[in-house]
Every structure is written in C-alpha cells, then in structure tokens.
C-alpha atoms as a PDB file:
ATOM      1  CA  UNK A   1    -109.123 -50.163 -70.973  1.00  0.00           C
ATOM      2  CA  UNK A   2    -109.903 -51.755 -74.482  1.00  0.00           C
ATOM      3  CA  UNK A   3    -106.193 -53.073 -76.272  1.00  0.00           C
ATOM      4  CA  UNK A   4    -108.668 -53.119 -79.544  1.00  0.00           C
ATOM      5  CA  UNK A   5    -108.282 -49.739 -81.354  1.00  0.00           C
ATOM      6  CA  UNK A   6    -111.385 -50.201 -82.850  1.00  0.00           C
ATOM      7  CA  UNK A   7    -113.698 -51.912 -79.949  1.00  0.00           C
ATOM      8  CA  UNK A   8    -112.116 -48.760 -78.247  1.00  0.00           C
ATOM      9  CA  UNK A   9    -112.985 -45.976 -80.265  1.00  0.00           C
ATOM     10  CA  UNK A  10    -116.271 -47.600 -81.857  1.00  0.00           C
ATOM     11  CA  UNK A  11    -117.282 -47.813 -77.686  1.00  0.00           C
ATOM     12  CA  UNK A  12    -115.888 -44.034 -77.835  1.00  0.00           C
ATOM     13  CA  UNK A  13    -118.162 -43.441 -79.691  1.00  0.00           C
ATOM     14  CA  UNK A  14    -121.381 -44.773 -78.700  1.00  0.00           C
ATOM     15  CA  UNK A  15    -120.808 -43.243 -74.949  1.00  0.00           C
ATOM     16  CA  UNK A  16    -120.649 -39.861 -76.456  1.00  0.00           C
ATOM     17  CA  UNK A  17    -123.328 -39.977 -79.243  1.00  0.00           C
ATOM     18  CA  UNK A  18    -124.671 -40.770 -75.321  1.00  0.00           C
ATOM     19  CA  UNK A  19    -123.670 -37.623 -74.016  1.00  0.00           C
ATOM     20  CA  UNK A  20    -120.919 -39.199 -71.640  1.00  0.00           C
ATOM     21  CA  UNK A  21    -117.773 -37.547 -71.974  1.00  0.00           C
ATOM     22  CA  UNK A  22    -115.114 -39.992 -72.720  1.00  0.00           C
ATOM     23  CA  UNK A  23    -111.680 -40.472 -72.006  1.00  0.00           C
ATOM     24  CA  UNK A  24    -109.636 -44.123 -74.143  1.00  0.00           C
ATOM     25  CA  UNK A  25    -106.751 -46.146 -72.851  1.00  0.00           C
ATOM     26  CA  UNK A  26    -105.794 -48.978 -74.456  1.00  0.00           C
ATOM     27  CA  UNK A  27    -104.345 -50.766 -71.356  1.00  0.00           C
ATOM     28  CA  UNK A  28    -104.517 -50.393 -67.622  1.00  0.00           C
ATOM     29  CA  UNK A  29    -101.252 -49.721 -66.875  1.00  0.00           C
ATOM     30  CA  UNK A  30    -101.550 -46.549 -69.129  1.00  0.00           C
ATOM     31  CA  UNK A  31    -104.907 -45.537 -67.387  1.00  0.00           C
ATOM     32  CA  UNK A  32    -103.481 -45.996 -63.706  1.00  0.00           C
ATOM     33  CA  UNK A  33    -100.289 -43.563 -64.599  1.00  0.00           C
ATOM     34  CA  UNK A  34    -103.066 -40.715 -66.381  1.00  0.00           C
ATOM     35  CA  UNK A  35    -104.351 -38.600 -64.251  1.00  0.00           C
ATOM     36  CA  UNK A  36    -107.552 -38.620 -65.096  1.00  0.00           C
ATOM     37  CA  UNK A  37    -108.045 -41.112 -62.154  1.00  0.00           C
ATOM     38  CA  UNK A  38    -109.295 -38.406 -59.848  1.00  0.00           C
ATOM     39  CA  UNK A  39    -112.298 -37.523 -61.808  1.00  0.00           C
ATOM     40  CA  UNK A  40    -112.895 -41.049 -63.262  1.00  0.00           C
ATOM     41  CA  UNK A  41    -117.157 -41.563 -62.665  1.00  0.00           C
ATOM     42  CA  UNK A  42    -116.686 -44.888 -63.663  1.00  0.00           C
ATOM     43  CA  UNK A  43    -114.690 -47.651 -65.578  1.00  0.00           C
ATOM     44  CA  UNK A  44    -115.604 -49.862 -69.675  1.00  0.00           C
ATOM     45  CA  UNK A  45    -112.341 -52.626 -68.853  1.00  0.00           C
ATOM     46  CA  UNK A  46    -111.888 -55.836 -70.807  1.00  0.00           C
ATOM     47  CA  UNK A  47    -110.643 -57.860 -68.658  1.00  0.00           C
ATOM     48  CA  UNK A  48    -107.842 -59.450 -70.484  1.00  0.00           C
ATOM     49  CA  UNK A  49    -104.459 -57.075 -71.527  1.00  0.00           C
ATOM     50  CA  UNK A  50    -101.814 -56.583 -72.317  1.00  0.00           C
ATOM     51  CA  UNK A  51     -99.063 -56.142 -69.041  1.00  0.00           C
ATOM     52  CA  UNK A  52    -102.172 -56.443 -65.899  1.00  0.00           C
ATOM     53  CA  UNK A  53    -104.943 -57.649 -67.114  1.00  0.00           C
ATOM     54  CA  UNK A  54    -108.385 -55.765 -65.914  1.00  0.00           C
ATOM     55  CA  UNK A  55    -108.669 -58.009 -62.404  1.00  0.00           C
ATOM     56  CA  UNK A  56    -105.432 -56.860 -61.333  1.00  0.00           C
ATOM     57  CA  UNK A  57    -106.246 -53.032 -62.311  1.00  0.00           C
ATOM     58  CA  UNK A  58    -109.352 -53.358 -60.523  1.00  0.00           C
ATOM     59  CA  UNK A  59    -107.842 -54.982 -57.056  1.00  0.00           C
ATOM     60  CA  UNK A  60    -104.798 -52.391 -57.661  1.00  0.00           C
ATOM     61  CA  UNK A  61    -107.119 -48.851 -57.219  1.00  0.00           C
ATOM     62  CA  UNK A  62    -109.383 -50.801 -54.908  1.00  0.00           C
ATOM     63  CA  UNK A  63    -105.690 -50.921 -53.024  1.00  0.00           C
ATOM     64  CA  UNK A  64    -104.793 -47.587 -53.396  1.00  0.00           C
ATOM     65  CA  UNK A  65    -107.814 -46.067 -52.449  1.00  0.00           C
ATOM     66  CA  UNK A  66    -110.324 -45.554 -55.048  1.00  0.00           C
ATOM     67  CA  UNK A  67    -113.622 -47.319 -55.602  1.00  0.00           C
ATOM     68  CA  UNK A  68    -113.927 -46.343 -59.038  1.00  0.00           C
ATOM     69  CA  UNK A  69    -117.688 -48.455 -60.441  1.00  0.00           C
ATOM     70  CA  UNK A  70    -116.167 -50.608 -63.518  1.00  0.00           C
ATOM     71  CA  UNK A  71    -117.874 -52.739 -66.218  1.00  0.00           C
ATOM     72  CA  UNK A  72    -116.062 -55.603 -67.400  1.00  0.00           C
ATOM     73  CA  UNK A  73    -116.334 -56.407 -70.834  1.00  0.00           C
ATOM     74  CA  UNK A  74    -114.769 -60.069 -72.470  1.00  0.00           C
ATOM     75  CA  UNK A  75    -114.745 -61.812 -75.290  1.00  0.00           C
ATOM     76  CA  UNK A  76    -114.269 -64.914 -73.866  1.00  0.00           C
ATOM     77  CA  UNK A  77    -116.367 -67.060 -70.485  1.00  0.00           C
ATOM     78  CA  UNK A  78    -117.296 -63.705 -68.450  1.00  0.00           C
ATOM     79  CA  UNK A  79    -118.011 -67.066 -65.877  1.00  0.00           C
ATOM     80  CA  UNK A  80    -114.314 -67.584 -65.401  1.00  0.00           C
ATOM     81  CA  UNK A  81    -114.359 -63.723 -64.126  1.00  0.00           C
ATOM     82  CA  UNK A  82    -117.894 -63.014 -62.897  1.00  0.00           C
ATOM     83  CA  UNK A  83    -118.052 -64.321 -59.159  1.00  0.00           C
ATOM     84  CA  UNK A  84    -114.104 -62.008 -59.004  1.00  0.00           C
ATOM     85  CA  UNK A  85    -115.336 -59.503 -60.656  1.00  0.00           C
ATOM     86  CA  UNK A  86    -119.180 -58.221 -58.780  1.00  0.00           C
ATOM     87  CA  UNK A  87    -117.513 -59.573 -55.052  1.00  0.00           C
ATOM     88  CA  UNK A  88    -114.655 -57.254 -55.714  1.00  0.00           C
ATOM     89  CA  UNK A  89    -117.896 -53.980 -57.006  1.00  0.00           C
ATOM     90  CA  UNK A  90    -117.916 -55.028 -60.617  1.00  0.00           C
ATOM     91  CA  UNK A  91    -121.099 -53.778 -61.910  1.00  0.00           C
ATOM     92  CA  UNK A  92    -120.935 -55.986 -64.405  1.00  0.00           C
ATOM     93  CA  UNK A  93    -119.264 -58.523 -66.889  1.00  0.00           C
ATOM     94  CA  UNK A  94    -120.109 -57.524 -70.623  1.00  0.00           C
ATOM     95  CA  UNK A  95    -119.223 -60.926 -73.186  1.00  0.00           C
ATOM     96  CA  UNK A  96    -118.599 -59.544 -76.061  1.00  0.00           C
ATOM     97  CA  UNK A  97    -120.553 -58.769 -78.771  1.00  0.00           C
ATOM     98  CA  UNK A  98    -123.102 -56.992 -76.693  1.00  0.00           C
ATOM     99  CA  UNK A  99    -125.533 -54.659 -77.336  1.00  0.00           C
ATOM    100  CA  UNK A 100    -125.289 -50.864 -76.959  1.00  0.00           C
ATOM    101  CA  UNK A 101    -128.559 -50.710 -74.780  1.00  0.00           C
ATOM    102  CA  UNK A 102    -126.544 -52.958 -72.198  1.00  0.00           C
ATOM    103  CA  UNK A 103    -123.631 -51.051 -71.969  1.00  0.00           C
ATOM    104  CA  UNK A 104    -124.954 -47.950 -71.340  1.00  0.00           C
ATOM    105  CA  UNK A 105    -127.774 -49.608 -68.911  1.00  0.00           C
ATOM    106  CA  UNK A 106    -124.557 -50.903 -66.810  1.00  0.00           C
ATOM    107  CA  UNK A 107    -123.402 -47.323 -66.718  1.00  0.00           C
ATOM    108  CA  UNK A 108    -126.430 -45.217 -65.306  1.00  0.00           C
ATOM    109  CA  UNK A 109    -126.255 -48.267 -62.266  1.00  0.00           C
ATOM    110  CA  UNK A 110    -122.990 -47.332 -62.025  1.00  0.00           C
ATOM    111  CA  UNK A 111    -123.005 -43.933 -61.886  1.00  0.00           C
ATOM    112  CA  UNK A 112    -126.966 -43.909 -60.223  1.00  0.00           C
ATOM    113  CA  UNK A 113    -128.832 -43.412 -62.715  1.00  0.00           C
ATOM    114  CA  UNK A 114    -128.528 -40.337 -63.392  1.00  0.00           C
ATOM    115  CA  UNK A 115    -128.869 -38.157 -66.242  1.00  0.00           C
ATOM    116  CA  UNK A 116    -125.830 -39.199 -69.089  1.00  0.00           C
ATOM    117  CA  UNK A 117    -123.837 -35.836 -69.474  1.00  0.00           C
ATOM    118  CA  UNK A 118    -123.640 -35.797 -65.628  1.00  0.00           C
ATOM    119  CA  UNK A 119    -121.256 -38.349 -65.564  1.00  0.00           C
ATOM    120  CA  UNK A 120    -118.025 -39.104 -67.055  1.00  0.00           C
ATOM    121  CA  UNK A 121    -117.279 -42.657 -68.503  1.00  0.00           C
ATOM    122  CA  UNK A 122    -113.778 -42.807 -68.747  1.00  0.00           C
ATOM    123  CA  UNK A 123    -110.606 -45.377 -69.189  1.00  0.00           C
ATOM    124  CA  UNK A 124    -112.762 -47.318 -72.216  1.00  0.00           C
END
C-alpha cells in the first residue's frame, strides 16, 4: 500500500519488470477489504498512510489469521518503527528513497528465493 500515486506506480513498474504479478492499493483498508488477500504472497506497504497505518494493518492481518510477509517502506525514521515491525514478522523496513536492488532482495527473501515469476507481489 502506498498513498502516493507516483510512488505506487513506480514500484509497480519496477516489480512487473522483474517478473512479479502486482496489484496496487492506495490504502490499507482497501487492501484488507479486497479479494486479493487469499492469494497475496507478499505485501509492500508504506508505514504512514491515511486511515490505518502499516503497523495496524500488519496487526489486523495477523489477527485475521493471515501470515503474509510484509516489507515496509517509509520516508521517516525507520528506527522508530523497525523493532515493532520486525518483531511482528516484517521482512524489513526500507527508507525512501531506496535502491531497486534493496526491494528486490527483500522480495526474494520474503518469497523464499523463488523465481520472480512464481511469486506474486501484491498490495503495493
């Protein structure tokens, strides 16, 4: 999830060029309420968004029984959220702007190093 349209579309283009199937959402609530949840293999989400933030989304997914790997991104101090995010099972917290290789490495880790085309990166 990413509320900034240009960032969301840029990440989508990057991940699709790497062979991932991608669905994007402008908010955590739109993702949680979507039909994408059962098929989602990884979530890339901003920490701070309107409505519920990324950490609250992570909590709600776990409470609903979903154990989807999450990669958080933030333009703010990652050390303020990293312990809570990682402690709850997030793959990493990347600070914007981040290198494409950082995000792709996190996705490979989240998807068990499987080939890009076999995994779906959804929920940007």
